[in-house]
Amino acid sequence: MIDWRGGALGAWRGVRGGPAVTYGLIAACCLLFLISPAAGLSPAYGTGDGLLAAQGAYFRRWGVIPAELTNGDPRALLTPLTALFVHGSWLHLLGNMLFLYVFGAMAEERMGPVGFCLFYLGTGYVALSGYAVVHADSAQTLVGASGAISAVLGAFLFLFPRSRVTSLFPFLFFLPLRFPAWIVLIFWFTLQWLAARAAGAGPGVAYLAHVVGFSVGFLYAWGRFRGGDRVKAQAAATEGESQP
């Protein structure tokens, strides 16, 4: 959740209607998940093995399959976009949407609605495609908004270097501790980088897509906004320990 009482978010409060793109992306991801077989709510998809088969077909249709994408399959060229709106589980969805809600609003205010929308879709496409290139022979399906949200985090680090967030760390008994956002995000990026290196040749959790997205997002913000004023006032935000 975001504390609207002041700081860098003060200017955001004057934006009519709030962060429409951020809210729209969250709504789209949630709605598509709820009506998909991944949610397991619709009896139309059956149960047991039938539900698992429906889920597998759903992920293969809309997710990224690196071997197909890198082989130049025309249909596969769109999957890095469609995969951004597909999530594999409730935890996957909620973790991603939490990070998008906390960090997306301020990034959207800085970039503008149209710019933020193009940024989100473009960096998400690049992140998932980068993962596919490295794992070009893989037939495992890749879904989720993690790459795009990682780019939002990277841009946030550059744009709001002195914002503060309250994080809950499970290894500290879930004590709420406040840190500058740049410390939290760099710590997160380091974990993703180490996890990507430890993942070996076989694809699993798409840590590499997180690293690519974060790097592209930071570099984009640096290239576009380095000549302007960066927001240096403190802003309070609260995030959970869910990873996109």
Protein backbone atom coordinates (compact mmCIF):
# COMPACT_ATOMS: atom_id res chain seq x y z
CA MET A 1 0.00 0.00 0.00
CA ILE A 2 1.09 3.58 -0.55
CA ASP A 3 1.02 6.37 2.00
CA TRP A 4 -0.53 9.37 0.25
CA ARG A 5 0.23 11.87 3.01
CA GLY A 6 3.13 13.67 1.45
CA GLY A 7 6.62 13.53 0.05
CA ALA A 8 7.19 12.72 -3.59
CA LEU A 9 3.69 11.30 -3.83
CA GLY A 10 2.16 14.68 -3.08
CA ALA A 11 2.33 15.69 -6.70
CA TRP A 12 0.75 12.41 -7.74
CA ARG A 13 -2.41 13.17 -5.77
CA GLY A 14 -3.20 15.96 -8.15
CA VAL A 15 -3.40 13.63 -11.14
CA ARG A 16 -7.09 13.22 -11.94
CA GLY A 17 -8.28 9.63 -11.82
CA GLY A 18 -5.04 8.30 -10.38
CA PRO A 19 -2.67 5.94 -12.20
CA ALA A 20 -5.16 4.67 -14.78
CA VAL A 21 -2.68 2.48 -16.66
CA THR A 22 -1.37 0.84 -13.50
CA TYR A 23 -4.89 0.11 -12.28
CA GLY A 24 -5.91 -1.06 -15.74
CA LEU A 25 -3.01 -3.50 -15.98
CA ILE A 26 -3.81 -4.90 -12.54
CA ALA A 27 -7.49 -5.27 -13.42
CA ALA A 28 -6.71 -6.96 -16.74
CA CYS A 29 -4.31 -9.45 -15.17
CA CYS A 30 -6.74 -10.29 -12.37
CA LEU A 31 -9.75 -10.64 -14.65
CA LEU A 32 -7.93 -12.84 -17.16
CA PHE A 33 -6.61 -15.02 -14.36
CA LEU A 34 -10.05 -15.46 -12.79
CA ILE A 35 -11.66 -16.64 -16.04
CA SER A 36 -8.70 -18.85 -17.00
CA PRO A 37 -8.16 -22.50 -16.05
CA ALA A 38 -5.17 -21.40 -13.96
CA ALA A 39 -7.51 -20.07 -11.25
CA GLY A 40 -9.31 -23.39 -10.99
CA LEU A 41 -12.65 -21.65 -10.37
CA SER A 42 -14.65 -22.45 -13.49
CA PRO A 43 -16.31 -25.88 -13.61
CA ALA A 44 -16.10 -25.68 -17.40
CA TYR A 45 -12.46 -26.78 -17.22
CA GLY A 46 -13.21 -29.84 -15.13
CA THR A 47 -11.15 -31.16 -12.26
CA GLY A 48 -8.16 -33.39 -11.72
CA ASP A 49 -6.37 -34.46 -14.89
CA GLY A 50 -8.84 -32.58 -17.05
CA LEU A 51 -8.08 -29.31 -15.30
CA LEU A 52 -4.33 -29.91 -15.52
CA ALA A 53 -4.64 -30.55 -19.25
CA ALA A 54 -6.66 -27.35 -19.71
CA GLN A 55 -4.08 -25.37 -17.78
CA GLY A 56 -1.22 -26.80 -19.85
CA ALA A 57 -2.98 -25.96 -23.10
CA TYR A 58 -3.73 -22.44 -21.85
CA PHE A 59 -0.12 -21.76 -20.94
CA ARG A 60 1.17 -23.18 -24.23
CA ARG A 61 -1.23 -21.04 -26.24
CA TRP A 62 -0.55 -17.71 -24.56
CA GLY A 63 2.87 -18.18 -22.94
CA VAL A 64 6.37 -17.93 -24.37
CA ILE A 65 7.96 -21.18 -25.57
CA PRO A 66 11.61 -20.24 -26.21
CA ALA A 67 12.21 -22.89 -28.88
CA GLU A 68 9.24 -21.65 -30.93
CA LEU A 69 10.07 -17.96 -30.47
CA THR A 70 13.70 -18.30 -31.48
CA ASN A 71 12.79 -20.46 -34.49
CA GLY A 72 10.82 -17.55 -35.92
CA ASP A 73 7.32 -18.98 -35.59
CA PRO A 74 5.08 -16.01 -36.58
CA ARG A 75 2.45 -16.85 -33.95
CA ALA A 76 5.13 -17.07 -31.26
CA LEU A 77 6.27 -13.50 -31.95
CA LEU A 78 3.22 -12.18 -30.10
CA THR A 79 3.59 -14.41 -27.06
CA PRO A 80 6.03 -12.13 -25.15
CA LEU A 81 3.11 -9.67 -25.02
CA THR A 82 0.31 -12.11 -24.24
CA ALA A 83 2.42 -13.86 -21.58
CA LEU A 84 2.55 -10.61 -19.58
CA PHE A 85 -1.13 -11.09 -18.73
CA VAL A 86 -0.95 -14.80 -17.88
CA HIS A 87 -0.09 -16.08 -14.40
CA GLY A 88 0.44 -19.60 -13.21
CA SER A 89 -1.02 -19.46 -9.71
CA TRP A 90 -2.70 -17.24 -7.14
CA LEU A 91 0.63 -16.55 -5.44
CA HIS A 92 2.27 -15.69 -8.76
CA LEU A 93 -0.52 -13.25 -9.58
CA LEU A 94 -0.76 -11.59 -6.16
CA GLY A 95 2.99 -11.16 -5.81
CA ASN A 96 3.28 -9.47 -9.19
CA MET A 97 0.26 -7.25 -8.70
CA LEU A 98 1.47 -6.12 -5.27
CA PHE A 99 4.77 -4.88 -6.69
CA LEU A 100 3.02 -3.26 -9.65
CA TYR A 101 0.60 -1.47 -7.31
CA VAL A 102 3.34 -0.20 -4.98
CA PHE A 103 5.85 0.96 -7.58
CA GLY A 104 3.81 1.45 -10.76
CA ALA A 105 1.80 4.51 -9.69
CA MET A 106 4.82 6.75 -9.15
CA ALA A 107 6.56 5.53 -12.30
CA GLU A 108 3.41 6.19 -14.32
CA GLU A 109 3.09 9.71 -12.90
CA ARG A 110 6.67 10.45 -13.95
CA MET A 111 6.43 8.92 -17.43
CA GLY A 112 2.82 9.80 -18.22
CA PRO A 113 0.09 7.24 -18.96
CA VAL A 114 0.95 6.61 -22.61
CA GLY A 115 4.69 6.55 -21.98
CA PHE A 116 4.29 4.20 -19.03
CA CYS A 117 2.06 1.83 -20.99
CA LEU A 118 4.55 1.63 -23.86
CA PHE A 119 7.40 1.26 -21.37
CA TYR A 120 5.66 -1.58 -19.54
CA LEU A 121 4.78 -3.54 -22.66
CA GLY A 122 8.08 -2.89 -24.41
CA THR A 123 10.37 -3.79 -21.54
CA GLY A 124 8.23 -6.82 -20.72
CA TYR A 125 8.61 -8.02 -24.30
CA VAL A 126 12.38 -7.51 -24.18
CA ALA A 127 12.73 -9.28 -20.82
CA LEU A 128 10.84 -12.40 -21.91
CA SER A 129 12.56 -12.44 -25.29
CA GLY A 130 15.96 -12.16 -23.61
CA TYR A 131 15.18 -15.20 -21.49
CA ALA A 132 14.03 -17.09 -24.60
CA VAL A 133 17.26 -16.31 -26.47
CA VAL A 134 19.42 -17.66 -23.64
CA HIS A 135 17.23 -20.80 -23.35
CA ALA A 136 16.64 -21.14 -27.08
CA ASP A 137 16.21 -24.92 -27.03
CA SER A 138 13.73 -24.99 -24.18
CA ALA A 139 10.15 -26.15 -24.70
CA GLN A 140 9.11 -25.02 -21.21
CA THR A 141 6.42 -22.34 -21.16
CA LEU A 142 7.16 -18.95 -19.63
CA VAL A 143 4.32 -16.77 -18.34
CA GLY A 144 3.86 -13.78 -16.04
CA ALA A 145 4.37 -10.04 -15.77
CA SER A 146 7.62 -10.39 -13.79
CA GLY A 147 9.86 -9.05 -16.55
CA ALA A 148 7.79 -5.89 -17.05
CA ILE A 149 7.40 -5.30 -13.31
CA SER A 150 11.14 -5.77 -12.87
CA ALA A 151 11.60 -2.98 -15.41
CA VAL A 152 9.28 -0.79 -13.35
CA LEU A 153 11.46 -1.46 -10.30
CA GLY A 154 14.59 -0.56 -12.25
CA ALA A 155 13.07 2.71 -13.45
CA PHE A 156 11.82 3.47 -9.95
CA LEU A 157 15.34 3.09 -8.58
CA PHE A 158 16.62 5.79 -10.89
CA LEU A 159 13.62 8.13 -10.69
CA PHE A 160 13.01 8.00 -6.93
CA PRO A 161 16.36 7.17 -5.32
CA ARG A 162 15.42 8.54 -1.90
CA SER A 163 11.97 7.07 -1.51
CA ARG A 164 11.51 4.83 1.51
CA VAL A 165 9.65 1.55 1.73
CA THR A 166 8.62 -0.65 4.61
CA SER A 167 9.43 -4.30 3.96
CA LEU A 168 8.52 -7.48 5.80
CA PHE A 169 11.41 -9.94 5.91
CA PRO A 170 10.50 -13.52 6.83
CA PHE A 171 13.98 -14.28 8.16
CA LEU A 172 13.50 -11.42 10.65
CA PHE A 173 10.17 -12.80 11.92
CA PHE A 174 8.25 -10.52 9.52
CA LEU A 175 9.23 -7.38 11.40
CA PRO A 176 8.31 -4.26 9.39
CA LEU A 177 11.55 -2.39 8.74
CA ARG A 178 11.94 0.84 6.79
CA PHE A 179 14.71 1.19 4.25
CA PRO A 180 15.50 3.56 1.40
CA ALA A 181 13.95 2.12 -1.76
CA TRP A 182 17.32 1.93 -3.49
CA ILE A 183 18.64 -0.46 -0.82
CA VAL A 184 15.60 -2.73 -1.14
CA LEU A 185 15.70 -2.74 -4.94
CA ILE A 186 19.45 -3.30 -5.23
CA PHE A 187 19.14 -6.14 -2.70
CA TRP A 188 16.31 -7.60 -4.78
CA PHE A 189 18.31 -7.23 -8.01
CA THR A 190 21.35 -8.93 -6.44
CA LEU A 191 19.22 -11.89 -5.36
CA GLN A 192 17.83 -12.23 -8.87
CA TRP A 193 21.29 -12.10 -10.40
CA LEU A 194 22.67 -14.74 -8.04
CA ALA A 195 19.64 -16.95 -8.58
CA ALA A 196 19.98 -16.63 -12.36
CA ARG A 197 23.62 -17.72 -12.21
CA ALA A 198 22.80 -20.63 -9.94
CA ALA A 199 19.97 -21.83 -12.16
CA GLY A 200 22.37 -23.53 -14.55
CA ALA A 201 21.53 -24.36 -18.14
CA GLY A 202 18.01 -25.60 -17.54
CA PRO A 203 15.21 -23.08 -17.32
CA GLY A 204 13.14 -22.88 -14.17
CA VAL A 205 11.93 -19.72 -12.48
CA ALA A 206 12.65 -16.92 -14.94
CA TYR A 207 15.19 -15.07 -12.82
CA LEU A 208 17.06 -14.06 -15.95
CA ALA A 209 13.93 -12.29 -17.25
CA HIS A 210 13.85 -10.37 -13.96
CA VAL A 211 17.47 -9.31 -14.35
CA VAL A 212 17.00 -8.28 -17.99
CA GLY A 213 13.82 -6.36 -17.20
CA PHE A 214 15.34 -4.53 -14.23
CA SER A 215 18.44 -3.57 -16.23
CA VAL A 216 16.46 -2.35 -19.25
CA GLY A 217 14.09 -0.37 -17.03
CA PHE A 218 16.92 1.36 -15.20
CA LEU A 219 18.78 2.15 -18.42
CA TYR A 220 15.64 3.50 -20.06
CA ALA A 221 14.95 5.84 -17.13
CA TRP A 222 18.59 6.92 -17.08
CA GLY A 223 18.57 7.65 -20.81
CA ARG A 224 15.27 9.51 -20.81
CA PHE A 225 15.33 11.40 -17.51
CA ARG A 226 19.01 11.93 -16.71
CA GLY A 227 18.85 15.52 -17.96
CA GLY A 228 15.83 16.38 -15.78
CA ASP A 229 15.21 16.64 -12.08
CA ARG A 230 15.00 13.36 -10.20
CA VAL A 231 12.55 13.19 -7.31
CA LYS A 232 14.62 13.39 -4.15
CA ALA A 233 11.96 13.94 -1.54
CA GLN A 234 11.15 10.98 0.66
CA ALA A 235 8.03 8.96 -0.07
CA ALA A 236 6.56 6.32 2.17
CA ALA A 237 5.39 3.04 0.75
CA THR A 238 4.64 -0.38 2.08
CA GLU A 239 5.34 -3.63 0.30
CA GLY A 240 5.12 -7.27 1.16
CA GLU A 241 7.87 -9.80 0.63
CA SER A 242 6.25 -11.21 -2.50
CA GLN A 243 8.56 -11.54 -5.42
CA PRO A 244 7.41 -10.81 -8.98
